[in-house]
Structures are given as structure tokens and as C-alpha cells.
Protein backbone atom coordinates (compact mmCIF):
# COMPACT_ATOMS: atom_id res chain seq x y z
CA MET A 1 56.50 200.24 -11.43
CA LYS A 2 57.84 196.73 -11.92
CA THR A 3 61.51 196.28 -11.01
CA ILE A 4 63.42 193.53 -12.83
CA GLN A 5 65.90 191.88 -10.48
CA HIS A 6 68.97 189.70 -10.87
CA TRP A 7 68.84 185.90 -10.64
CA ILE A 8 71.68 184.68 -8.43
CA ASP A 9 72.16 181.26 -6.84
CA GLY A 10 68.71 180.04 -7.84
CA ALA A 11 66.58 183.00 -6.72
CA PHE A 12 65.63 186.55 -7.64
CA THR A 13 67.56 189.07 -5.62
CA PRO A 14 68.15 192.82 -5.65
CA ALA A 15 71.60 192.18 -4.13
CA GLY A 16 73.47 195.47 -3.74
CA SER A 17 72.05 197.25 -6.77
CA THR A 18 70.72 200.76 -6.36
CA ARG A 19 70.96 202.05 -9.94
CA THR A 20 68.22 201.31 -12.48
CA ALA A 21 67.54 201.84 -16.19
CA PRO A 22 64.19 202.15 -17.98
CA VAL A 23 62.72 199.29 -20.00
CA TRP A 24 60.56 200.78 -22.72
CA ASN A 25 57.64 199.45 -24.71
CA PRO A 26 58.90 200.33 -28.20
CA ALA A 27 55.40 200.18 -29.69
CA THR A 28 53.97 202.81 -27.33
CA GLY A 29 57.04 204.71 -26.21
CA GLU A 30 56.04 204.13 -22.59
CA ARG A 31 58.33 203.13 -19.75
CA GLN A 32 57.00 199.74 -18.64
CA ALA A 33 59.58 198.65 -16.04
CA GLU A 34 62.87 199.43 -14.35
CA VAL A 35 65.79 197.02 -14.46
CA LEU A 36 68.45 196.91 -11.77
CA LEU A 37 71.97 197.75 -12.93
CA ALA A 38 74.52 195.56 -11.21
CA GLU A 39 77.39 196.93 -9.20
CA ARG A 40 80.69 195.07 -9.10
CA ALA A 41 79.60 193.38 -5.85
CA ASP A 42 76.53 191.93 -7.60
CA VAL A 43 78.68 190.44 -10.36
CA ASP A 44 81.09 189.04 -7.80
CA ALA A 45 78.18 187.47 -5.89
CA ALA A 46 76.94 185.76 -9.06
CA VAL A 47 80.43 184.52 -9.95
CA SER A 48 80.94 183.23 -6.39
CA ALA A 49 77.63 181.35 -6.56
CA ALA A 50 78.68 179.86 -9.90
CA ALA A 51 82.09 178.88 -8.52
CA ARG A 52 80.50 177.07 -5.57
CA ALA A 53 78.06 175.30 -7.89
CA PHE A 54 80.87 174.18 -10.20
CA ASP A 55 82.33 171.99 -7.45
CA SER A 56 79.45 169.56 -7.90
CA TRP A 57 78.08 170.42 -11.35
CA GLY A 58 81.48 169.97 -13.00
CA ASP A 59 81.56 166.39 -11.68
CA SER A 60 77.92 165.62 -12.46
CA SER A 61 77.13 162.80 -14.85
CA LEU A 62 76.41 163.40 -18.49
CA THR A 63 73.09 161.68 -17.91
CA LYS A 64 72.08 164.30 -15.33
CA ARG A 65 73.14 167.18 -17.56
CA THR A 66 71.32 165.90 -20.62
CA ARG A 67 68.15 165.24 -18.64
CA VAL A 68 68.12 168.89 -17.62
CA MET A 69 68.53 169.90 -21.26
CA PHE A 70 65.75 167.59 -22.45
CA THR A 71 63.43 169.05 -19.82
CA LEU A 72 64.44 172.63 -20.67
CA ARG A 73 63.68 171.92 -24.31
CA GLU A 74 60.16 170.76 -23.45
CA LEU A 75 59.59 173.79 -21.22
CA LEU A 76 60.64 176.12 -24.04
CA VAL A 77 58.03 174.46 -26.24
CA LYS A 78 55.37 174.65 -23.53
CA HIS A 79 55.97 178.34 -22.82
CA GLU A 80 56.69 179.49 -26.37
CA ASP A 81 53.67 181.80 -26.61
CA GLU A 82 54.33 183.43 -23.24
CA LEU A 83 58.01 183.91 -24.01
CA ALA A 84 57.21 185.38 -27.44
CA ARG A 85 54.90 187.96 -25.84
CA ILE A 86 57.66 188.94 -23.38
CA ILE A 87 60.10 189.44 -26.27
CA ALA A 88 57.61 191.42 -28.35
CA ALA A 89 56.73 193.70 -25.43
CA GLU A 90 60.33 194.68 -24.69
CA HIS A 91 62.06 194.36 -28.06
CA GLY A 92 59.18 195.33 -30.35
CA LYS A 93 59.49 192.53 -32.91
CA VAL A 94 56.29 190.84 -34.05
CA ILE A 95 55.09 187.72 -32.26
CA GLU A 96 55.80 185.34 -35.13
CA ASP A 97 59.34 186.66 -35.47
CA ALA A 98 59.82 186.20 -31.73
CA LYS A 99 58.61 182.61 -32.03
CA GLY A 100 61.10 182.01 -34.83
CA GLU A 101 63.87 183.28 -32.57
CA ILE A 102 62.76 180.90 -29.83
CA VAL A 103 62.76 177.93 -32.21
CA ARG A 104 66.26 178.71 -33.53
CA GLY A 105 67.55 179.05 -29.98
CA ARG A 106 65.83 175.84 -28.97
CA GLU A 107 67.75 174.02 -31.67
CA ILE A 108 70.93 174.68 -29.69
CA VAL A 109 69.30 173.13 -26.63
CA GLU A 110 68.55 170.10 -28.80
CA PHE A 111 72.22 169.99 -29.79
CA ALA A 112 73.11 170.15 -26.09
CA CYS A 113 70.80 167.18 -25.48
CA GLY A 114 73.31 165.15 -27.51
CA ILE A 115 76.35 166.45 -25.68
CA THR A 116 77.42 162.90 -24.83
CA SER A 117 78.43 162.40 -28.46
CA ALA A 118 80.14 165.78 -28.73
CA LEU A 119 82.25 165.08 -25.62
CA LYS A 120 83.41 161.60 -26.63
CA GLY A 121 87.18 161.26 -26.42
CA ASP A 122 89.69 158.97 -28.14
CA TYR A 123 91.40 155.79 -26.95
CA SER A 124 94.49 154.12 -28.36
CA ASP A 125 95.44 150.69 -27.04
CA GLN A 126 99.06 149.55 -26.65
CA VAL A 127 100.75 152.68 -27.98
CA SER A 128 103.89 151.27 -26.37
CA SER A 129 104.52 148.10 -24.43
CA ASP A 130 101.74 147.84 -21.86
CA ILE A 131 100.92 151.55 -22.31
CA ASP A 132 97.59 152.97 -23.46
CA SER A 133 96.75 156.56 -24.38
CA PHE A 134 93.37 158.26 -24.25
CA SER A 135 91.88 161.75 -24.22
CA TYR A 136 88.77 163.54 -23.01
CA ARG A 137 87.52 167.10 -22.54
CA GLN A 138 86.82 168.80 -19.23
CA PRO A 139 84.85 171.97 -18.42
CA LEU A 140 86.60 175.27 -17.75
CA GLY A 141 84.68 176.33 -14.63
CA VAL A 142 82.76 179.61 -14.43
CA VAL A 143 82.07 181.17 -17.83
CA GLY A 144 80.25 184.38 -18.75
CA GLY A 145 78.03 185.59 -21.56
CA ILE A 146 77.33 189.17 -22.66
CA THR A 147 74.47 189.36 -25.14
CA PRO A 148 72.72 192.04 -27.28
CA PHE A 149 69.16 193.35 -27.35
CA ASN A 150 68.27 192.16 -30.84
CA PHE A 151 67.87 188.47 -29.95
CA PRO A 152 67.07 188.38 -26.22
CA ILE A 153 66.40 184.63 -26.21
CA MET A 154 68.24 183.14 -29.18
CA VAL A 155 71.75 184.55 -28.69
CA PRO A 156 71.96 183.61 -24.99
CA LEU A 157 70.73 180.14 -25.98
CA TRP A 158 73.68 179.97 -28.38
CA MET A 159 75.90 180.08 -25.29
CA HIS A 160 74.65 178.75 -21.98
CA PRO A 161 73.07 175.38 -22.94
CA ILE A 162 76.32 174.14 -24.46
CA ALA A 163 78.44 175.62 -21.67
CA ILE A 164 76.25 174.07 -18.96
CA ALA A 165 75.90 170.72 -20.74
CA CYS A 166 79.72 170.60 -20.90
CA GLY A 167 79.82 170.93 -17.10
CA ASN A 168 80.50 174.65 -16.69
CA THR A 169 78.51 177.12 -14.64
CA PHE A 170 77.31 180.33 -16.26
CA VAL A 171 76.82 184.03 -15.52
CA LEU A 172 74.75 185.86 -18.15
CA LYS A 173 74.73 189.64 -18.63
CA PRO A 174 71.88 190.24 -21.11
CA SER A 175 71.00 193.56 -22.66
CA GLU A 176 69.38 195.89 -20.16
CA ARG A 177 66.98 197.01 -22.89
CA ASP A 178 65.01 193.74 -22.93
CA PRO A 179 66.05 191.76 -19.84
CA SER A 180 62.91 189.79 -18.93
CA ALA A 181 63.41 186.88 -21.34
CA SER A 182 66.63 185.89 -19.57
CA ASN A 183 64.94 185.89 -16.17
CA PHE A 184 62.17 183.73 -17.60
CA VAL A 185 64.73 181.20 -18.87
CA ALA A 186 66.36 181.17 -15.43
CA GLU A 187 63.04 180.10 -13.95
CA LEU A 188 62.67 177.41 -16.61
CA TYR A 189 66.12 176.07 -15.76
CA ALA A 190 65.11 175.83 -12.10
CA GLU A 191 61.93 174.00 -13.08
CA ALA A 192 64.03 171.67 -15.23
CA GLY A 193 66.05 170.65 -12.18
CA LEU A 194 69.22 172.70 -12.67
CA PRO A 195 70.87 173.26 -9.28
CA GLY A 196 71.08 176.80 -7.92
CA GLY A 197 74.15 178.73 -8.95
CA VAL A 198 74.73 176.86 -12.21
CA PHE A 199 72.92 179.57 -14.21
CA ASN A 200 72.89 183.18 -13.00
CA VAL A 201 71.66 186.43 -14.54
CA VAL A 202 73.01 189.88 -13.69
CA HIS A 203 71.57 192.92 -15.43
CA GLY A 204 73.58 196.02 -16.05
CA ASP A 205 75.76 198.27 -18.12
CA LYS A 206 79.52 198.71 -18.50
CA THR A 207 80.03 198.17 -14.77
CA ALA A 208 78.61 194.66 -15.05
CA VAL A 209 80.56 193.95 -18.25
CA ASP A 210 83.84 195.00 -16.65
CA GLY A 211 82.96 192.93 -13.59
CA LEU A 212 82.84 189.79 -15.71
CA LEU A 213 85.93 190.68 -17.71
CA GLU A 214 88.03 191.36 -14.63
CA ASN A 215 86.85 188.71 -12.16
CA ALA A 216 89.66 186.18 -11.82
CA ASP A 217 87.22 183.29 -11.33
CA VAL A 218 85.68 183.74 -14.80
CA ALA A 219 87.56 181.44 -17.17
CA ALA A 220 85.95 182.44 -20.47
CA VAL A 221 83.65 185.09 -21.92
CA SER A 222 81.31 184.92 -24.92
CA PHE A 223 80.12 188.18 -26.44
CA VAL A 224 77.81 189.27 -29.26
CA GLY A 225 77.38 192.97 -30.10
CA SER A 226 79.00 195.84 -31.97
CA THR A 227 82.55 195.71 -33.29
CA PRO A 228 83.99 198.43 -31.00
CA ILE A 229 82.67 196.65 -27.90
CA ALA A 230 83.74 193.25 -29.26
CA LYS A 231 87.29 194.61 -29.57
CA TYR A 232 87.10 196.01 -26.05
CA VAL A 233 85.84 192.73 -24.59
CA HIS A 234 88.49 190.73 -26.44
CA GLU A 235 91.37 192.98 -25.38
CA ARG A 236 90.31 193.33 -21.73
CA ALA A 237 89.54 189.64 -21.21
CA THR A 238 92.51 188.14 -23.06
CA ALA A 239 94.84 190.46 -21.15
CA ARG A 240 93.64 188.64 -18.04
CA GLY A 241 94.21 185.20 -19.51
CA LYS A 242 90.59 184.39 -20.32
CA ARG A 243 89.27 182.61 -23.37
CA VAL A 244 87.17 184.97 -25.51
CA GLN A 245 84.85 184.64 -28.45
CA ALA A 246 83.59 188.12 -29.35
CA LEU A 247 81.26 188.51 -32.31
CA GLY A 248 81.07 192.04 -33.72
CA GLY A 249 79.12 194.00 -36.29
CA ALA A 250 78.18 193.36 -39.88
CA LYS A 251 77.45 194.87 -43.26
CA ASN A 252 75.87 191.97 -45.09
CA HIS A 253 75.69 192.08 -48.88
CA ALA A 254 73.42 190.09 -51.15
CA VAL A 255 74.51 189.90 -54.78
CA VAL A 256 71.82 189.57 -57.44
CA LEU A 257 72.97 188.34 -60.85
CA PRO A 258 70.99 189.06 -64.05
CA ASP A 259 70.03 185.36 -64.38
CA ALA A 260 68.36 185.26 -60.96
CA ASP A 261 64.61 184.95 -60.49
CA LEU A 262 64.12 188.63 -59.63
CA ASP A 263 60.74 188.23 -57.96
CA PHE A 264 62.10 185.43 -55.76
CA ALA A 265 65.24 187.42 -54.99
CA ALA A 266 63.23 190.55 -54.15
CA ASP A 267 60.99 188.57 -51.82
CA GLN A 268 63.99 187.16 -50.01
CA LEU A 269 65.81 190.50 -49.84
CA THR A 270 62.73 192.27 -48.51
CA ALA A 271 62.30 189.73 -45.73
CA ALA A 272 66.00 189.77 -44.89
CA ALA A 273 66.29 193.58 -44.88
CA TYR A 274 63.11 194.52 -43.03
CA GLY A 275 62.38 191.52 -40.81
CA SER A 276 62.76 192.47 -37.13
CA ALA A 277 63.01 196.08 -38.40
CA GLY A 278 66.47 195.28 -39.73
CA GLN A 279 67.83 194.75 -36.23
CA ARG A 280 69.67 191.53 -36.99
CA CYS A 281 73.39 191.00 -37.25
CA MET A 282 72.62 188.83 -40.27
CA ALA A 283 70.17 191.26 -41.90
CA VAL A 284 70.86 192.08 -45.54
CA SER A 285 71.59 195.81 -45.63
CA ALA A 286 73.22 196.09 -49.08
CA ALA A 287 71.92 194.58 -52.30
CA VAL A 288 74.55 194.43 -55.04
CA ALA A 289 72.88 194.39 -58.45
CA VAL A 290 75.16 193.04 -61.17
CA GLY A 291 74.89 194.29 -64.72
CA ASP A 292 71.38 195.16 -65.84
CA ALA A 293 69.78 193.42 -62.84
CA GLY A 294 69.48 196.71 -60.94
CA ASP A 295 67.05 198.48 -63.24
CA ALA A 296 64.69 195.51 -63.07
CA LEU A 297 65.22 194.73 -59.36
CA VAL A 298 64.69 198.15 -57.76
CA PRO A 299 61.03 198.61 -58.85
CA VAL A 300 60.19 195.17 -57.48
CA LEU A 301 61.93 195.95 -54.19
CA GLU A 302 60.08 199.26 -54.02
CA LYS A 303 56.69 197.62 -54.46
CA LYS A 304 57.40 195.01 -51.79
CA ALA A 305 58.80 197.55 -49.30
CA ARG A 306 55.73 199.76 -49.62
CA ALA A 307 53.45 196.77 -49.02
CA ILE A 308 54.92 195.87 -45.61
CA LYS A 309 52.43 196.27 -42.77
CA VAL A 310 54.14 198.11 -39.91
CA GLY A 311 52.56 198.02 -36.47
CA PRO A 312 52.89 196.86 -32.86
CA GLY A 313 54.43 193.46 -32.36
CA ASP A 314 51.37 192.02 -30.61
CA ASP A 315 49.09 192.83 -33.56
CA PRO A 316 48.72 189.67 -35.71
CA ALA A 317 48.43 191.87 -38.80
CA SER A 318 51.84 193.46 -38.25
CA GLU A 319 54.73 192.23 -40.37
CA MET A 320 57.32 194.64 -38.94
CA GLY A 321 57.42 196.29 -35.53
CA PRO A 322 59.24 199.34 -34.17
CA VAL A 323 62.94 199.72 -33.51
CA ILE A 324 64.21 199.34 -29.96
CA THR A 325 64.54 203.02 -28.89
CA ALA A 326 63.78 206.55 -30.00
CA GLN A 327 67.53 207.03 -30.57
CA ALA A 328 67.58 204.03 -32.93
CA ARG A 329 64.64 205.51 -34.86
CA ASP A 330 66.39 208.86 -35.20
CA ARG A 331 69.64 207.20 -36.28
CA VAL A 332 67.92 205.42 -39.18
CA ALA A 333 66.26 208.68 -40.24
CA ASN A 334 69.61 210.45 -40.21
CA TYR A 335 71.16 207.80 -42.46
CA VAL A 336 68.32 208.19 -44.98
CA ALA A 337 68.88 211.94 -45.01
CA GLY A 338 72.63 211.45 -45.28
CA GLY A 339 72.31 209.12 -48.26
CA ALA A 340 70.14 211.63 -50.09
CA GLY A 341 72.59 214.40 -49.25
CA GLN A 342 75.50 212.42 -50.72
CA GLY A 343 73.79 211.86 -54.08
CA ALA A 344 71.96 208.55 -53.66
CA ARG A 345 68.32 208.25 -54.72
CA VAL A 346 65.77 207.65 -51.97
CA VAL A 347 63.25 205.28 -53.53
CA VAL A 348 61.20 204.55 -50.40
CA ASP A 349 61.36 206.96 -47.45
CA GLY A 350 60.19 205.54 -44.13
CA ARG A 351 61.00 208.57 -41.99
CA ASP A 352 57.48 209.99 -41.81
CA LEU A 353 55.67 206.79 -40.92
CA THR A 354 53.08 207.01 -38.15
CA VAL A 355 51.08 204.11 -36.75
CA ASP A 356 47.54 204.96 -35.70
CA GLY A 357 47.10 204.68 -31.96
CA HIS A 358 50.87 204.37 -31.46
CA GLU A 359 52.06 207.83 -32.40
CA ASP A 360 54.63 207.84 -29.59
CA GLY A 361 56.09 204.47 -30.55
CA PHE A 362 59.58 204.09 -31.96
CA PHE A 363 58.44 203.41 -35.51
CA VAL A 364 60.33 204.03 -38.72
CA GLY A 365 59.13 202.58 -42.00
CA PRO A 366 61.04 200.49 -44.53
CA SER A 367 63.44 202.62 -46.57
CA LEU A 368 65.12 201.83 -49.90
CA ILE A 369 68.00 203.84 -51.37
CA ASP A 370 69.45 203.26 -54.85
CA HIS A 371 72.78 204.19 -56.45
CA VAL A 372 74.67 203.99 -53.17
CA LYS A 373 78.48 203.85 -53.30
CA PRO A 374 81.29 203.04 -50.87
CA GLY A 375 82.29 206.18 -49.00
CA MET A 376 78.71 207.11 -48.24
CA GLY A 377 77.85 206.77 -44.55
CA VAL A 378 74.73 204.79 -45.35
CA TYR A 379 76.95 202.16 -46.99
CA ASP A 380 80.04 202.23 -44.79
CA ASP A 381 78.29 202.07 -41.41
CA GLU A 382 76.21 199.38 -39.75
CA VAL A 383 72.80 201.10 -39.70
CA PHE A 384 70.94 198.35 -37.80
CA GLY A 385 67.49 199.37 -38.95
CA PRO A 386 64.94 198.86 -41.77
CA LEU A 387 67.09 200.39 -44.49
CA LEU A 388 68.23 198.59 -47.66
CA VAL A 389 70.72 200.17 -50.04
CA VAL A 390 71.31 199.14 -53.64
CA VAL A 391 74.82 199.23 -55.07
CA ARG A 392 75.49 198.71 -58.77
CA SER A 393 78.26 196.38 -60.01
CA SER A 394 79.40 195.42 -63.49
CA SER A 395 80.41 191.79 -62.78
CA VAL A 396 80.58 188.99 -60.23
CA GLU A 397 84.29 189.67 -59.79
CA GLU A 398 83.61 193.32 -59.01
CA ALA A 399 80.91 192.33 -56.52
CA ILE A 400 83.29 189.93 -54.78
CA ALA A 401 85.96 192.63 -54.61
CA LEU A 402 83.42 195.07 -53.14
CA ILE A 403 82.49 192.61 -50.39
CA ASN A 404 86.10 191.71 -49.67
CA ALA A 405 87.03 195.39 -49.32
CA ASN A 406 84.46 195.83 -46.56
CA PRO A 407 85.88 195.55 -43.03
CA TYR A 408 83.04 193.26 -41.94
CA GLY A 409 82.75 189.60 -42.88
CA ASN A 410 79.70 188.20 -41.12
CA GLY A 411 77.27 186.96 -43.78
CA THR A 412 76.64 187.33 -47.49
CA ALA A 413 74.46 185.81 -50.19
CA VAL A 414 74.23 185.40 -53.94
CA PHE A 415 71.07 184.98 -56.03
CA THR A 416 71.64 183.20 -59.31
CA SER A 417 70.66 180.18 -61.39
CA ASP A 418 74.28 179.70 -62.50
CA GLY A 419 76.02 177.06 -60.39
CA GLU A 420 79.47 177.98 -61.65
CA ALA A 421 78.98 181.63 -60.70
CA ALA A 422 77.65 180.61 -57.28
CA ARG A 423 80.68 178.40 -56.66
CA ARG A 424 83.05 181.14 -57.75
CA PHE A 425 81.27 183.50 -55.40
CA HIS A 426 81.23 181.37 -52.25
CA ARG A 427 84.88 180.37 -52.75
CA GLY A 428 86.01 183.93 -53.41
CA VAL A 429 84.29 186.01 -50.74
CA LYS A 430 86.12 186.58 -47.44
CA VAL A 431 83.05 186.07 -45.28
CA GLY A 432 82.30 183.47 -42.63
CA MET A 433 78.73 182.51 -43.65
CA VAL A 434 77.52 182.41 -47.23
CA GLY A 435 74.07 181.78 -48.67
CA VAL A 436 73.34 180.59 -52.20
CA ASN A 437 69.77 181.75 -52.92
CA VAL A 438 69.45 181.93 -49.11
CA PRO A 439 69.52 185.52 -47.79
CA ILE A 440 70.26 184.88 -44.10
CA PRO A 441 72.61 181.88 -43.96
CA VAL A 442 72.52 181.28 -40.19
CA PRO A 443 73.92 177.76 -39.73
CA MET A 444 71.94 175.01 -38.07
CA SER A 445 72.92 173.99 -34.54
CA HIS A 446 75.34 171.25 -35.64
CA TYR A 447 77.47 173.85 -37.45
CA SER A 448 78.97 176.93 -35.79
CA PHE A 449 78.06 180.60 -36.26
CA GLY A 450 80.72 183.21 -36.86
CA GLY A 451 82.08 185.78 -39.25
CA TRP A 452 85.52 186.87 -40.41
CA LYS A 453 87.50 190.11 -40.23
CA ASP A 454 85.94 192.74 -37.91
CA SER A 455 82.93 190.52 -37.28
CA LEU A 456 84.79 188.11 -34.98
CA PHE A 457 87.55 188.48 -32.40
CA GLY A 458 88.88 185.20 -31.07
CA GLU A 459 89.60 181.84 -32.61
CA LYS A 460 86.32 180.01 -32.03
CA HIS A 461 82.91 180.53 -33.58
CA ILE A 462 79.82 180.29 -31.42
CA HIS A 463 77.64 177.21 -30.71
CA GLY A 464 77.88 173.83 -32.44
CA PRO A 465 81.16 171.88 -32.44
CA GLU A 466 83.33 174.99 -31.98
CA GLY A 467 81.19 175.98 -29.02
CA VAL A 468 81.98 172.64 -27.36
CA ASP A 469 85.68 173.21 -27.98
CA PHE A 470 85.46 176.73 -26.57
CA TYR A 471 83.82 175.68 -23.30
CA THR A 472 86.11 172.70 -22.65
CA ARG A 473 89.81 171.84 -22.72
CA ALA A 474 91.44 168.62 -23.78
CA LYS A 475 93.32 166.29 -21.50
CA VAL A 476 95.52 163.42 -22.76
CA ILE A 477 96.39 160.51 -20.45
CA THR A 478 99.22 158.04 -20.96
CA SER A 479 98.57 155.03 -18.73
CA ARG A 480 100.52 151.95 -17.67
CA TRP A 481 99.58 149.26 -15.14
CA PRO A 482 102.70 147.11 -14.61
CA HIS A 483 102.36 143.42 -13.84
CA VAL A 484 102.83 142.76 -10.14
CA ASN A 485 106.03 140.74 -10.49
CA ARG A 486 107.52 142.38 -13.54
CA SER A 487 110.02 145.20 -13.22
CA VAL A 488 109.86 148.14 -15.57
CA GLU A 489 113.14 149.51 -16.76
CA ALA A 490 113.50 153.28 -16.44
CA ALA A 491 116.06 155.43 -18.27
CA LEU A 492 117.31 158.95 -17.88
CA ASN A 493 117.09 159.57 -21.62
CA PHE A 494 113.82 160.87 -23.10
CA PRO A 495 111.28 158.01 -23.24
CA THR A 496 110.33 156.58 -26.63
CA ALA A 497 107.83 153.95 -27.68
CA HIS A 498 108.99 150.35 -27.77
């Protein structure tokens, strides 16, 4: 059986790993590979390689760095189909969804291609007699990334292109559930001319995570995953003086007002709830129907949910693939049962779905539950599967209060034709990313991605301008070049401008 190795110092290596974990094919339920699980020595070897590489990469020219990024961008385009098949085989999402993930990740590489503008400093002439002042940003050194299974290419691309373009070296710990995409990118980096050691990949579990958090040579850590682990990463890393941006879980609401185009809203909600089998941190998992919108909206949502074609990701006819593991499938089924047991109405039940020829796959169909209320597990928890709940609300103000009472603050949306209501909504909700008639408001690369409340731990959002700030630190220089034959008077009192 294929064994997926680490990528350290520009080459595949088993290093000291002896433990492995299975990599499943979610569509068939078959074990298709084994991935090495790093020991602490493997993480230390990757960090040491990155530290050695930083000596030269940190001083490399912006021209050299951007040329690598331009070449990487072209290689991602060239190998898009191959990379999408790798993602579909290990994650389960359909090919077209995998391609969309690649494109959105590639946009961050395109942002990194313009890093020269993002790193421009300031210069002030003659701030005092014969004294100038200027500033610039310098890289931190070795930085680490810990990324989730749900976007095996896009989320890592939110991190390492900007970090590397800023002059840092990088150690990535991707999810061990779908590790091959990260190894593929490592090979593309090498083909693009990136020196060995600048980008490293170590696969693993908590041992590898703790290795990054505790290694003194790692200056900063970026994380995307669940809220409990985000808290853990933030606490462990900041206690050791590291910079941390840790993005946690979500419970994303989409509010539908009575004046909305219900067919349009239902289309958007269906795509946002069931795309990628609901395994997105920005998936809409709760639709809030205001006033009499619910009675009209639910039948339309039901019709659209039942029409979704569920099948293996490599089948062009499939619109939704399986979930990542058998445990994930069973968890979704348990939430459907729990909602029914707590008094909600199951409108569409996806628990009994079978896909011909893939009976052992990790499939669960789209589910829709109406009349859900806070306090029910299906509402309170992050389900992370193809399950949409409908909550009823009497007004926009009540809907805003409902969202603000939720501990998560990742993304939200409102569907309306009333501009005043939309403005009141996006100003009033305590959420980091808001869509107006846009169900998944993931910002473009020149903005930064990040939620509020329990969806983010740390001060900086990920990628875009805040990503540049996170991976660099500012330096301010005050400079004077005295004339050869002119003395400069010094004083013991604190210097002031003159």
C-alpha cells in the first residue's frame, strides 16, 4: 500500500516516523494509502531545515521571491485537473468543487505575486535637522501552519504563499485525512525554483501539532480548525511567546426577509448548505426565516434538496459527494435524529441514502429540519455536514439578536431587496464576514478572512493585508549623516526635533 511521506529540506523522507494512519477513499470506504505520523524528531528536523534556509531566503530579493510565486501560479493552473482529482479522491468533494477550491487558493498566490507593493515602507525626509526617518517590514523567520481536512489546498494556500513571499520559511502540518495535496504543492514549489528547506511538510496528529507549538525556533503559527483546538493552539503557542492566528468553528446563519426573491434565496441557501457536503467553515447551516417568509421558503428548499445528485466526486454527474469519514456520516445522522427527538420537523431525511455501486462509501444525503430553536443540539453545535436547519423569527431585530447571541461569529448573510434593512443588518451583526444576497461571503485575496468571537483567537485575520502584517514585523530607522567638518551637539536631556 502507498505510504505518504514527509517533505523536508526539498525531498521526500520517512525521517524517524514509524506510526501511520489510514487515508480513506470516502466514496468507496476503502483504505487507499497510509500516511506517516511525525514524531517530535521529524518536526524538529523540518524546523531545522527551515531555519537553515531562512539564512539566505530571508535576505533574498523581492524579485526572486515574486518570480517563484509567478511560476507557482502557472504550475497550479497547469496541474489543476490533476490536483482536483487528488483532492476528490481523498476528501470526497466533487471535481468541480475541488477546482473551485484551487482557484480561490490560487488567488492568494496572485496576491503574493504583488508582495512588493504590500511590503513598501514609509520615508520622511528632514524630520529634524539633517535627520530622516523611514520604516520597512522584515520577516519573522520560521513559521508554521496547521490546516484542516475540508480545504486541503485552499487553506494552506491562504498561509504559505504570503509567508514565503514575505521572506519567511514555512513548516506545514496538513490534515492527515487528505495529505497528498500538500505534498503535490511541495513538488510544484521545487519546480518553481524555491530552494530546499523554505517549504516543508510534516504529516501527523497531536504529536506533530505540539512539536510546532513548542519548538523555540518557530516564531509564529497559523491554524484553521475547530474552536476547542483553536483555543488550545492559541494558549499553548502564545505562552511560548509566538504569534498566533487561530481560526475556529462556525454556525453561519442566513436571514431571509419576506421581500426577498425566495427562489433565488433558496438556490443560494441550497448551494451554501450542501456544497462540499456541508463541510465548509463558511457553509450556511441555519436559515432564519423572518415573518411569513418561512412558510413559503421551506417547500422550495425541500424541492431543491431532494433534487441534489449525490455520488462519488469523480462522477461528472455528482453535485455532492460523501463526507470525510464514517464517523462524520454517523454524527450527521445522530443530529437529524436528535432534532426530531427535540420537537423539530424533519422535512428531508438524508440518513438512509445509498449510492449504487458505492454502498460502503461515507454518504449521507441532504437533510432539512424546520422549526428548530436555540437549545437544540442541531442548532447549538457545529454539525459540519449536509444539514440545514430553519429557525423562525418575527423581525430583523430578532434575527440580529439571535445571531449575536451565538458564540460563533464567522460568517452570515441576509437576503432582501430592502437596502435599509440590509444596512441595518450588516452594521448590527457581531460577525466578521457578512454577505448581502451572497450566502458565502469569503473575501477576495486583497481583503482578509476571519471571524469574531469564538471563531478567531488572535489579533490578525488570515491572508490579504493582515496576513502580511502577521508574517512580518515593522522596523523604524532614524538616520543622520553628519557633514564631515560640522560638529553635532549632543545633550544629556531627552532628544527633541529641532
